[in-house]
């Protein structure tokens, strides 16, 4: 959070304000760079999985305890890991058809006379 100061105050403290801004920018760049690197890994931890799925770390932990998502836990470790392919499969497992796809499937069903006398 940055505080807006009067112009006279800024002249006296401008190096410290610049240092604060530079530090904040560096932290943001480091965080974004770390996230970009995590996207390229095949095995990710809870932090990276939460970024990939767009949920909090707590949600990831709940998903693990409820067994709604597959994970790996090395012997003697408390950390859990995920395969990127498992995360992608989780995100795409409950696909809903579009209206156009549904109409095409319905049309195909009735054209194959499986619908019997329903037409």
Protein backbone atom coordinates (compact mmCIF):
# COMPACT_ATOMS: atom_id res chain seq x y z
CA UNK A 1 0.00 0.00 0.00
CA UNK A 2 1.45 3.33 -1.01
CA UNK A 3 0.68 6.63 0.68
CA UNK A 4 0.37 9.75 -1.46
CA UNK A 5 2.45 12.57 -0.02
CA UNK A 6 2.58 16.28 -0.66
CA UNK A 7 5.10 17.48 -3.24
CA UNK A 8 7.25 19.15 -0.55
CA UNK A 9 7.46 15.89 1.42
CA UNK A 10 8.29 13.90 -1.72
CA UNK A 11 11.39 16.00 -2.47
CA UNK A 12 12.87 15.16 0.93
CA UNK A 13 12.05 11.46 0.81
CA UNK A 14 12.13 10.73 -2.91
CA UNK A 15 14.99 8.17 -2.72
CA UNK A 16 13.13 6.10 -0.12
CA UNK A 17 9.89 6.24 -2.11
CA UNK A 18 11.76 5.19 -5.23
CA UNK A 19 13.39 2.36 -3.29
CA UNK A 20 10.00 1.21 -2.00
CA UNK A 21 8.50 1.29 -5.48
CA UNK A 22 11.49 -0.53 -6.95
CA UNK A 23 11.30 -3.18 -4.25
CA UNK A 24 7.57 -3.68 -4.82
CA UNK A 25 8.07 -3.97 -8.58
CA UNK A 26 10.90 -6.50 -8.09
CA UNK A 27 8.68 -8.62 -5.83
CA UNK A 28 5.89 -8.62 -8.41
CA UNK A 29 8.29 -9.59 -11.19
CA UNK A 30 9.79 -12.38 -9.07
CA UNK A 31 6.33 -13.73 -8.26
CA UNK A 32 5.21 -13.68 -11.91
CA UNK A 33 8.49 -15.26 -13.04
CA UNK A 34 8.11 -18.04 -10.45
CA UNK A 35 4.56 -18.68 -11.66
CA UNK A 36 5.74 -18.87 -15.27
CA UNK A 37 8.43 -21.38 -14.31
CA UNK A 38 5.91 -23.50 -12.40
CA UNK A 39 3.77 -23.78 -15.51
CA UNK A 40 6.59 -25.63 -17.27
CA UNK A 41 7.15 -28.31 -14.57
CA UNK A 42 5.60 -31.79 -14.87
CA UNK A 43 5.42 -32.31 -11.09
CA UNK A 44 4.17 -29.39 -9.00
CA UNK A 45 3.60 -28.68 -5.31
CA UNK A 46 0.52 -27.25 -3.57
CA UNK A 47 1.48 -23.66 -4.30
CA UNK A 48 1.92 -24.28 -8.02
CA UNK A 49 -1.22 -26.44 -8.18
CA UNK A 50 -3.26 -23.65 -6.59
CA UNK A 51 -1.94 -21.24 -9.24
CA UNK A 52 -2.69 -23.67 -12.08
CA UNK A 53 -6.24 -24.41 -10.89
CA UNK A 54 -6.91 -20.84 -9.77
CA UNK A 55 -7.90 -21.78 -6.22
CA UNK A 56 -6.36 -21.20 -2.80
CA UNK A 57 -3.85 -23.53 -1.15
CA UNK A 58 -6.49 -24.35 1.46
CA UNK A 59 -8.85 -25.49 -1.27
CA UNK A 60 -6.12 -27.73 -2.70
CA UNK A 61 -5.57 -29.25 0.76
CA UNK A 62 -9.33 -29.87 1.14
CA UNK A 63 -9.44 -31.50 -2.29
CA UNK A 64 -6.62 -33.82 -1.21
CA UNK A 65 -8.25 -34.76 2.10
CA UNK A 66 -11.59 -35.41 0.37
CA UNK A 67 -9.77 -37.42 -2.34
CA UNK A 68 -11.36 -35.34 -5.12
CA UNK A 69 -7.98 -34.86 -6.80
CA UNK A 70 -5.13 -37.32 -7.19
CA UNK A 71 -1.79 -36.51 -5.59
CA UNK A 72 1.53 -38.04 -4.57
CA UNK A 73 3.08 -38.02 -1.12
CA UNK A 74 6.67 -39.33 -0.83
CA UNK A 75 7.41 -41.71 2.05
CA UNK A 76 8.21 -39.85 5.26
CA UNK A 77 7.18 -36.50 3.81
CA UNK A 78 4.30 -34.22 4.68
CA UNK A 79 4.39 -32.42 1.32
CA UNK A 80 2.13 -33.47 -1.52
CA UNK A 81 2.80 -33.22 -5.23
CA UNK A 82 0.68 -33.34 -8.35
CA UNK A 83 1.21 -34.35 -11.95
CA UNK A 84 0.34 -31.56 -14.35
CA UNK A 85 -1.54 -34.08 -16.50
CA UNK A 86 -3.70 -35.03 -13.47
CA UNK A 87 -4.52 -31.36 -12.85
CA UNK A 88 -5.43 -30.88 -16.51
CA UNK A 89 -7.58 -34.03 -16.41
CA UNK A 90 -9.32 -32.75 -13.27
CA UNK A 91 -10.11 -29.42 -14.93
CA UNK A 92 -11.59 -31.09 -18.01
CA UNK A 93 -13.36 -34.14 -16.56
CA UNK A 94 -16.90 -32.73 -16.32
CA UNK A 95 -17.44 -31.37 -19.80
CA UNK A 96 -20.80 -29.88 -20.69
CA UNK A 97 -21.95 -29.96 -24.29
CA UNK A 98 -22.85 -26.76 -26.05
CA UNK A 99 -26.40 -26.29 -27.30
CA UNK A 100 -25.24 -26.96 -30.88
CA UNK A 101 -23.52 -30.22 -29.88
CA UNK A 102 -26.58 -31.32 -27.94
CA UNK A 103 -28.90 -30.63 -30.88
CA UNK A 104 -26.59 -32.54 -33.24
CA UNK A 105 -26.47 -35.52 -30.88
CA UNK A 106 -30.26 -35.47 -30.51
CA UNK A 107 -30.70 -35.27 -34.28
CA UNK A 108 -28.31 -38.19 -34.75
CA UNK A 109 -30.16 -40.22 -32.13
CA UNK A 110 -33.52 -39.82 -33.84
CA UNK A 111 -32.11 -40.35 -37.33
CA UNK A 112 -30.75 -43.72 -36.27
CA UNK A 113 -34.32 -44.67 -35.27
CA UNK A 114 -33.31 -45.41 -31.71
CA UNK A 115 -35.95 -43.01 -30.59
CA UNK A 116 -38.68 -45.27 -31.96
CA UNK A 117 -42.05 -43.52 -32.03
CA UNK A 118 -40.91 -40.35 -30.28
CA UNK A 119 -40.62 -38.30 -33.48
